[in-house]
Amino acid sequence: MRIGDLAAATSVSVRSLRYYEEQGLLLASRTASGQRVYTEAAVDRVRLVQQLFAAGLPSRTIVQLLPCVDAGQATPESFALLVSERDRISAQLRELEAARARLDEVIAISEHPTAEHCPALREQPSGAVAA
């Protein structure tokens, strides 16, 4: 099947499919004129890659995991890689939660400004002219 057919079958853009091939996530053979040709198995591969991307895995990690997928067997290394990626995502979640908490504080201050947080509300020293 040609790249447009694969894109239609998987609802993935042609651009993304080219990226997958560039990253080693998807293999294509070429016609004499250089057009990409994919097997029917490419549909399942693209869907798998999409699932792994949706799980937050970067392409470099997916490339490392694909041989285990193809062999149908997890290795201690692939398991460790998955755990490491989960830990990375968990750390990102903690950072995002902390950022959200800080933003909530800023929103609260914005809703009810005080002189402590807003220089414009502070009393000016006598004789000073406000800018």
Protein backbone atom coordinates (compact mmCIF):
# COMPACT_ATOMS: atom_id res chain seq x y z
CA MET A 1 0.00 0.00 0.00
CA ARG A 2 1.17 3.54 -0.68
CA ILE A 3 1.72 6.20 1.94
CA GLY A 4 -1.61 7.92 1.26
CA ASP A 5 -3.44 4.64 1.71
CA LEU A 6 -1.64 3.98 5.00
CA ALA A 7 -2.45 7.49 6.17
CA ALA A 8 -6.12 6.98 5.37
CA ALA A 9 -6.21 3.54 7.02
CA THR A 10 -4.65 4.82 10.25
CA SER A 11 -5.89 8.43 10.38
CA VAL A 12 -2.26 9.53 10.66
CA SER A 13 -0.89 12.27 8.45
CA VAL A 14 1.49 11.51 5.61
CA ARG A 15 3.94 13.87 7.30
CA SER A 16 3.80 11.80 10.50
CA LEU A 17 4.35 8.58 8.56
CA ARG A 18 7.45 10.08 6.94
CA TYR A 19 8.66 11.09 10.40
CA TYR A 20 8.05 7.56 11.70
CA GLU A 21 10.15 6.18 8.89
CA GLU A 22 12.88 8.76 9.47
CA GLN A 23 13.01 7.79 13.16
CA GLY A 24 13.14 4.05 12.43
CA LEU A 25 9.63 3.39 13.75
CA LEU A 26 8.21 2.26 10.42
CA LEU A 27 9.76 0.50 7.46
CA ALA A 28 8.86 0.99 3.82
CA SER A 29 10.19 -0.47 0.64
CA ARG A 30 10.55 1.73 -2.42
CA THR A 31 9.35 1.37 -5.95
CA ALA A 32 11.73 1.99 -8.86
CA SER A 33 10.45 5.57 -8.92
CA GLY A 34 11.16 5.98 -5.18
CA GLN A 35 7.59 5.84 -3.88
CA ARG A 36 7.08 4.27 -0.48
CA VAL A 37 5.25 0.95 -0.32
CA TYR A 38 4.03 -0.56 2.95
CA THR A 39 2.77 -4.00 3.87
CA GLU A 40 -0.60 -4.53 5.55
CA ALA A 41 1.30 -5.04 8.82
CA ALA A 42 2.25 -1.36 8.70
CA VAL A 43 -1.30 -0.48 9.78
CA ASP A 44 -0.81 -2.33 13.08
CA ARG A 45 2.68 -0.87 13.51
CA VAL A 46 1.39 2.69 13.07
CA ARG A 47 -1.41 2.06 15.56
CA LEU A 48 1.10 0.68 18.07
CA VAL A 49 3.38 3.67 17.60
CA GLN A 50 0.41 5.97 18.13
CA GLN A 51 -0.47 4.18 21.38
CA LEU A 52 3.10 4.48 22.61
CA PHE A 53 3.21 8.18 21.75
CA ALA A 54 -0.12 8.63 23.56
CA ALA A 55 1.47 6.97 26.60
CA GLY A 56 4.03 9.78 26.61
CA LEU A 57 6.98 7.84 25.20
CA PRO A 58 9.42 9.70 22.97
CA SER A 59 10.37 8.22 19.61
CA ARG A 60 13.88 7.30 20.81
CA THR A 61 12.34 5.11 23.52
CA ILE A 62 9.84 3.56 21.14
CA VAL A 63 12.68 2.60 18.79
CA GLN A 64 14.36 0.79 21.68
CA LEU A 65 11.15 -1.07 22.56
CA LEU A 66 10.14 -2.21 19.08
CA PRO A 67 12.55 -5.18 18.90
CA CYS A 68 10.92 -6.56 22.07
CA VAL A 69 7.49 -6.00 20.57
CA ASP A 70 8.56 -7.73 17.37
CA ALA A 71 9.99 -10.65 19.34
CA GLY A 72 6.89 -10.80 21.51
CA GLN A 73 8.99 -10.86 24.64
CA ALA A 74 9.85 -8.25 27.24
CA THR A 75 13.39 -8.05 28.53
CA PRO A 76 14.68 -6.71 31.84
CA GLU A 77 16.06 -3.76 29.84
CA SER A 78 12.72 -2.98 28.21
CA PHE A 79 10.96 -3.23 31.55
CA ALA A 80 13.51 -0.89 33.15
CA LEU A 81 13.08 1.53 30.25
CA LEU A 82 9.31 1.59 30.72
CA VAL A 83 9.64 2.14 34.46
CA SER A 84 12.13 4.94 33.83
CA GLU A 85 9.71 6.62 31.42
CA ARG A 86 6.88 6.30 33.94
CA ASP A 87 9.10 7.92 36.59
CA ARG A 88 9.95 10.75 34.16
CA ILE A 89 6.26 11.37 33.48
CA SER A 90 5.47 11.25 37.22
CA ALA A 91 8.12 13.90 37.86
CA GLN A 92 6.62 16.07 35.12
CA LEU A 93 3.19 15.69 36.73
CA ARG A 94 4.57 16.82 40.10
CA GLU A 95 6.15 19.85 38.44
CA LEU A 96 2.89 20.70 36.67
CA GLU A 97 0.92 20.33 39.91
CA ALA A 98 3.33 22.70 41.66
CA ALA A 99 3.02 25.20 38.80
CA ARG A 100 -0.78 24.97 38.99
CA ALA A 101 -0.68 25.62 42.74
CA ARG A 102 1.49 28.71 42.18
CA LEU A 103 -0.89 29.90 39.47
CA ASP A 104 -3.84 29.41 41.83
CA GLU A 105 -2.02 31.66 44.32
CA VAL A 106 -1.48 34.32 41.66
CA ILE A 107 -5.15 34.12 40.66
CA ALA A 108 -6.21 34.53 44.29
CA ILE A 109 -3.96 37.54 44.69
CA SER A 110 -5.32 39.00 41.45
CA GLU A 111 -8.87 38.59 42.66
CA HIS A 112 -8.14 40.23 46.03
CA PRO A 113 -5.00 42.36 45.74
CA THR A 114 -3.35 43.60 48.93
CA ALA A 115 -0.60 46.10 49.56
CA GLU A 116 1.66 43.18 50.45
CA HIS A 117 1.44 41.82 46.90
CA CYS A 118 0.66 44.94 44.87
CA PRO A 119 3.07 47.90 45.01
CA ALA A 120 0.41 50.24 43.59
CA LEU A 121 -1.70 49.75 46.73
CA ARG A 122 1.08 50.67 49.15
CA GLU A 123 0.90 53.99 50.90
CA GLN A 124 3.21 56.59 49.46
CA PRO A 125 5.54 58.36 51.91
CA SER A 126 4.28 61.86 52.69
CA GLY A 127 5.39 64.32 50.10
CA ALA A 128 6.06 61.61 47.53
CA VAL A 129 4.29 61.86 44.25
CA ALA A 130 2.87 58.66 42.84
CA ALA A 131 4.18 57.80 39.41
